Amino acid sequence: RDDRVMLDSIFLNGLKEEIQVELKLYESHDLTELMDQALLIEERNEVILKRGTGWKDRGANHRFKDPGE
């Protein structure tokens, strides 16, 4: 148990902060699952970065129509 916690901590500390934060949302049963999840998060982040459409960008140009107009 202590060995697993130490290995997980070493792995997590080597990751980018945004991946570390997101991994805390998921429950992993072993280091392999933790690594797989980190890879998926990294892949998703790269796709979002390439598109240039993060959650902040969505709807930025939308204006709600005023019912009085």
C-alpha atoms as a PDB file:
ATOM      1  CA  ARG A   1       0.000   0.000   0.000  1.00  0.00           C
ATOM      2  CA  ASP A   2       2.718   2.481   0.968  1.00  0.00           C
ATOM      3  CA  ASP A   3       4.724   1.579  -2.141  1.00  0.00           C
ATOM      4  CA  ARG A   4       1.720   2.291  -4.367  1.00  0.00           C
ATOM      5  CA  VAL A   5       1.097   5.666  -2.758  1.00  0.00           C
ATOM      6  CA  MET A   6       4.757   6.583  -3.201  1.00  0.00           C
ATOM      7  CA  LEU A   7       4.805   5.490  -6.875  1.00  0.00           C
ATOM      8  CA  ASP A   8       1.559   7.341  -7.607  1.00  0.00           C
ATOM      9  CA  SER A   9       2.943  10.486  -5.973  1.00  0.00           C
ATOM     10  CA  ILE A  10       6.184  10.322  -7.940  1.00  0.00           C
ATOM     11  CA  PHE A  11       4.236   9.870 -11.173  1.00  0.00           C
ATOM     12  CA  LEU A  12       1.766  12.671 -10.416  1.00  0.00           C
ATOM     13  CA  ASN A  13       4.502  15.126  -9.436  1.00  0.00           C
ATOM     14  CA  GLY A  14       6.107  14.665 -12.854  1.00  0.00           C
ATOM     15  CA  LEU A  15       2.952  15.658 -14.733  1.00  0.00           C
ATOM     16  CA  LYS A  16       1.841  19.070 -15.946  1.00  0.00           C
ATOM     17  CA  GLU A  17      -0.245  20.850 -13.339  1.00  0.00           C
ATOM     18  CA  GLU A  18      -3.422  20.858 -15.467  1.00  0.00           C
ATOM     19  CA  ILE A  19      -3.209  17.064 -15.798  1.00  0.00           C
ATOM     20  CA  GLN A  20      -2.518  16.594 -12.084  1.00  0.00           C
ATOM     21  CA  VAL A  21      -5.603  18.604 -11.193  1.00  0.00           C
ATOM     22  CA  GLU A  22      -7.866  16.697 -13.560  1.00  0.00           C
ATOM     23  CA  LEU A  23      -6.580  13.286 -12.456  1.00  0.00           C
ATOM     24  CA  LYS A  24      -7.772  14.074  -8.944  1.00  0.00           C
ATOM     25  CA  LEU A  25     -11.321  13.847 -10.321  1.00  0.00           C
ATOM     26  CA  TYR A  26     -10.889  10.187 -11.236  1.00  0.00           C
ATOM     27  CA  GLU A  27     -10.458   7.141  -9.073  1.00  0.00           C
ATOM     28  CA  SER A  28      -7.675   4.856 -10.240  1.00  0.00           C
ATOM     29  CA  HIS A  29      -7.050   1.355  -8.992  1.00  0.00           C
ATOM     30  CA  ASP A  30      -3.430   1.092 -10.031  1.00  0.00           C
ATOM     31  CA  LEU A  31      -0.571   2.999 -11.602  1.00  0.00           C
ATOM     32  CA  THR A  32      -1.405   1.665 -15.065  1.00  0.00           C
ATOM     33  CA  GLU A  33      -4.906   3.170 -14.913  1.00  0.00           C
ATOM     34  CA  LEU A  34      -3.458   6.441 -13.679  1.00  0.00           C
ATOM     35  CA  MET A  35      -1.013   6.515 -16.596  1.00  0.00           C
ATOM     36  CA  ASP A  36      -3.715   5.637 -19.139  1.00  0.00           C
ATOM     37  CA  GLN A  37      -5.996   8.376 -17.829  1.00  0.00           C
ATOM     38  CA  ALA A  38      -3.150  10.913 -17.929  1.00  0.00           C
ATOM     39  CA  LEU A  39      -2.466  10.029 -21.575  1.00  0.00           C
ATOM     40  CA  LEU A  40      -6.128  10.466 -22.485  1.00  0.00           C
ATOM     41  CA  ILE A  41      -6.244  13.852 -20.771  1.00  0.00           C
ATOM     42  CA  GLU A  42      -3.064  14.931 -22.577  1.00  0.00           C
ATOM     43  CA  GLU A  43      -4.450  13.822 -25.954  1.00  0.00           C
ATOM     44  CA  ARG A  44      -7.698  15.701 -25.349  1.00  0.00           C
ATOM     45  CA  ASN A  45      -5.829  18.837 -24.291  1.00  0.00           C
ATOM     46  CA  GLU A  46      -3.705  18.708 -27.457  1.00  0.00           C
ATOM     47  CA  VAL A  47      -6.807  18.432 -29.660  1.00  0.00           C
ATOM     48  CA  ILE A  48      -8.426  21.371 -27.872  1.00  0.00           C
ATOM     49  CA  LEU A  49      -5.234  23.406 -28.235  1.00  0.00           C
ATOM     50  CA  LYS A  50      -4.997  22.641 -31.974  1.00  0.00           C
ATOM     51  CA  ARG A  51      -8.617  23.672 -32.510  1.00  0.00           C
ATOM     52  CA  GLY A  52      -8.210  26.765 -30.424  1.00  0.00           C
ATOM     53  CA  THR A  53     -11.641  26.256 -28.939  1.00  0.00           C
ATOM     54  CA  GLY A  54     -11.523  25.919 -25.228  1.00  0.00           C
ATOM     55  CA  TRP A  55     -14.551  26.324 -23.041  1.00  0.00           C
ATOM     56  CA  LYS A  56     -13.736  30.026 -22.674  1.00  0.00           C
ATOM     57  CA  ASP A  57     -13.936  30.540 -26.444  1.00  0.00           C
ATOM     58  CA  ARG A  58     -17.301  28.899 -26.945  1.00  0.00           C
ATOM     59  CA  GLY A  59     -20.132  31.332 -27.298  1.00  0.00           C
ATOM     60  CA  ALA A  60     -17.883  34.362 -27.043  1.00  0.00           C
ATOM     61  CA  ASN A  61     -19.426  35.841 -30.191  1.00  0.00           C
ATOM     62  CA  HIS A  62     -22.988  34.915 -29.288  1.00  0.00           C
ATOM     63  CA  ARG A  63     -25.375  37.597 -28.198  1.00  0.00           C
ATOM     64  CA  PHE A  64     -28.757  36.847 -26.823  1.00  0.00           C
ATOM     65  CA  LYS A  65     -31.426  38.662 -28.712  1.00  0.00           C
ATOM     66  CA  ASP A  66     -33.310  41.185 -26.653  1.00  0.00           C
ATOM     67  CA  PRO A  67     -37.024  40.297 -26.798  1.00  0.00           C
ATOM     68  CA  GLY A  68     -37.759  44.019 -27.107  1.00  0.00           C
ATOM     69  CA  GLU A  69     -35.766  44.362 -30.348  1.00  0.00           C
END
